[in-house]
N, C-alpha and C. Protein backbone atom coordinates (compact mmCIF):
# COMPACT_ATOMS: atom_id res chain seq x y z
N MET A 1 129.30 136.89 185.40
CA MET A 1 129.25 136.06 186.58
C MET A 1 129.15 136.99 187.79
N SER A 2 128.26 136.69 188.69
CA SER A 2 128.06 137.54 189.86
C SER A 2 129.20 137.35 190.86
N SER A 3 129.33 138.33 191.74
CA SER A 3 130.40 138.25 192.74
C SER A 3 130.15 137.12 193.72
N VAL A 4 128.90 136.77 193.95
CA VAL A 4 128.59 135.64 194.83
C VAL A 4 129.09 134.34 194.22
N ALA A 5 128.87 134.16 192.92
CA ALA A 5 129.33 132.95 192.26
C ALA A 5 130.85 132.88 192.23
N ILE A 6 131.50 134.01 192.02
CA ILE A 6 132.97 134.04 192.02
C ILE A 6 133.49 133.71 193.41
N GLY A 7 132.87 134.26 194.44
CA GLY A 7 133.28 133.96 195.81
C GLY A 7 133.08 132.50 196.17
N LEU A 8 131.97 131.92 195.71
CA LEU A 8 131.72 130.51 195.95
C LEU A 8 132.77 129.64 195.26
N PHE A 9 133.08 129.97 194.02
CA PHE A 9 134.08 129.23 193.27
C PHE A 9 135.45 129.34 193.94
N ALA A 10 135.82 130.54 194.39
CA ALA A 10 137.11 130.73 195.08
C ALA A 10 137.14 129.93 196.38
N GLY A 11 136.05 129.92 197.11
CA GLY A 11 135.99 129.15 198.35
C GLY A 11 136.14 127.66 198.11
N LEU A 12 135.50 127.18 197.05
CA LEU A 12 135.63 125.76 196.73
C LEU A 12 137.06 125.40 196.31
N LEU A 13 137.70 126.28 195.56
CA LEU A 13 139.09 126.02 195.18
C LEU A 13 140.01 126.01 196.39
N LEU A 14 139.81 126.95 197.31
CA LEU A 14 140.64 126.98 198.52
C LEU A 14 140.40 125.74 199.38
N ALA A 15 139.17 125.28 199.45
CA ALA A 15 138.88 124.06 200.21
C ALA A 15 139.56 122.85 199.56
N LEU A 16 139.58 122.81 198.25
CA LEU A 16 140.25 121.72 197.54
C LEU A 16 141.75 121.75 197.80
N VAL A 17 142.33 122.93 197.77
CA VAL A 17 143.77 123.06 198.05
C VAL A 17 144.07 122.62 199.48
N ALA A 18 143.23 123.01 200.42
CA ALA A 18 143.45 122.63 201.82
C ALA A 18 143.34 121.12 201.99
N ALA A 19 142.41 120.50 201.28
CA ALA A 19 142.22 119.06 201.42
C ALA A 19 143.36 118.28 200.79
N VAL A 20 143.90 118.77 199.69
CA VAL A 20 144.93 118.03 198.97
C VAL A 20 146.33 118.38 199.47
N GLY A 21 146.61 119.67 199.66
CA GLY A 21 147.97 120.08 199.93
C GLY A 21 148.32 120.35 201.37
N GLY A 22 147.36 120.40 202.24
CA GLY A 22 147.64 120.67 203.64
C GLY A 22 147.67 122.17 203.94
N PHE A 23 148.09 122.48 205.16
CA PHE A 23 148.03 123.86 205.64
C PHE A 23 148.97 124.78 204.88
N ASP A 24 150.17 124.34 204.57
CA ASP A 24 151.14 125.19 203.86
C ASP A 24 150.63 125.60 202.48
N MET A 25 150.08 124.67 201.76
CA MET A 25 149.54 124.98 200.43
C MET A 25 148.30 125.86 200.53
N PHE A 26 147.53 125.68 201.60
CA PHE A 26 146.36 126.53 201.82
C PHE A 26 146.78 127.97 202.04
N MET A 27 147.81 128.18 202.84
CA MET A 27 148.30 129.54 203.10
C MET A 27 148.87 130.16 201.83
N LEU A 28 149.59 129.38 201.03
CA LEU A 28 150.10 129.87 199.76
C LEU A 28 148.95 130.26 198.83
N ALA A 29 147.90 129.46 198.80
CA ALA A 29 146.74 129.78 197.97
C ALA A 29 146.06 131.06 198.44
N LEU A 30 146.00 131.29 199.74
CA LEU A 30 145.41 132.53 200.25
C LEU A 30 146.24 133.74 199.85
N VAL A 31 147.56 133.64 199.93
CA VAL A 31 148.43 134.75 199.55
C VAL A 31 148.29 135.05 198.06
N LEU A 32 148.30 134.01 197.25
CA LEU A 32 148.15 134.22 195.81
C LEU A 32 146.77 134.77 195.45
N ALA A 33 145.75 134.36 196.19
CA ALA A 33 144.41 134.91 195.97
C ALA A 33 144.38 136.39 196.31
N ALA A 34 145.05 136.79 197.39
CA ALA A 34 145.09 138.20 197.76
C ALA A 34 145.82 139.02 196.70
N VAL A 35 146.89 138.49 196.16
CA VAL A 35 147.60 139.18 195.08
C VAL A 35 146.69 139.31 193.86
N GLY A 36 145.95 138.27 193.55
CA GLY A 36 145.03 138.31 192.43
C GLY A 36 143.93 139.34 192.61
N VAL A 37 143.45 139.48 193.84
CA VAL A 37 142.42 140.49 194.12
C VAL A 37 142.99 141.89 193.91
N VAL A 38 144.20 142.14 194.39
CA VAL A 38 144.82 143.46 194.23
C VAL A 38 145.05 143.76 192.75
N VAL A 39 145.53 142.79 192.00
CA VAL A 39 145.74 143.00 190.56
C VAL A 39 144.41 143.26 189.86
N GLY A 40 143.38 142.49 190.21
CA GLY A 40 142.07 142.70 189.61
C GLY A 40 141.49 144.07 189.92
N LEU A 41 141.65 144.53 191.16
CA LEU A 41 141.16 145.86 191.52
C LEU A 41 141.95 146.94 190.80
N ALA A 42 143.24 146.74 190.61
CA ALA A 42 144.05 147.72 189.89
C ALA A 42 143.65 147.78 188.41
N VAL A 43 143.38 146.63 187.82
CA VAL A 43 142.97 146.60 186.41
C VAL A 43 141.61 147.26 186.24
N ASP A 44 140.70 147.05 187.18
CA ASP A 44 139.38 147.66 187.13
C ASP A 44 139.42 149.15 187.40
N GLY A 45 140.50 149.64 187.99
CA GLY A 45 140.60 151.05 188.31
C GLY A 45 140.02 151.41 189.66
N ARG A 46 139.75 150.43 190.49
CA ARG A 46 139.18 150.70 191.81
C ARG A 46 140.22 151.15 192.82
N ILE A 47 141.48 150.76 192.62
CA ILE A 47 142.56 151.23 193.49
C ILE A 47 143.66 151.80 192.61
N ASP A 48 144.44 152.71 193.18
CA ASP A 48 145.51 153.37 192.45
C ASP A 48 146.84 152.90 193.02
N VAL A 49 147.62 152.21 192.20
CA VAL A 49 148.90 151.67 192.65
C VAL A 49 150.08 152.41 192.03
N THR A 50 149.83 153.56 191.41
CA THR A 50 150.92 154.28 190.76
C THR A 50 151.94 154.78 191.79
N GLY A 51 151.50 155.10 192.99
CA GLY A 51 152.43 155.53 194.03
C GLY A 51 153.38 154.42 194.44
N LEU A 52 152.90 153.20 194.44
CA LEU A 52 153.75 152.06 194.79
C LEU A 52 154.71 151.70 193.66
N LEU A 53 154.25 151.87 192.43
CA LEU A 53 155.07 151.46 191.30
C LEU A 53 156.10 152.49 190.89
N SER A 54 155.81 153.78 191.11
CA SER A 54 156.73 154.81 190.65
C SER A 54 157.93 154.98 191.58
N GLY A 55 157.79 154.64 192.84
CA GLY A 55 158.90 154.80 193.77
C GLY A 55 159.07 156.25 194.18
N ARG A 56 160.20 156.56 194.74
CA ARG A 56 160.48 157.93 195.19
C ARG A 56 161.22 158.68 194.11
N GLY A 57 161.12 159.98 194.16
CA GLY A 57 161.83 160.82 193.19
C GLY A 57 163.34 160.77 193.45
N ARG A 58 164.10 161.15 192.45
CA ARG A 58 165.56 161.08 192.57
C ARG A 58 166.17 162.39 193.02
N GLY A 59 165.39 163.34 193.30
CA GLY A 59 166.06 164.58 193.66
C GLY A 59 165.25 165.42 194.48
């Protein structure tokens, strides 16, 4: 599936959430979509999140 089709599908889902759930649910959907994008980029290897996950050293 092309990125254009995925973007169109995501836009349609967000519009549906906004129409059904109102502004609060729309904002929640945007936050969850952003988390999904970050997870997807991490799984693909496009971003490196090991610095965030490992934390600081103990000594």
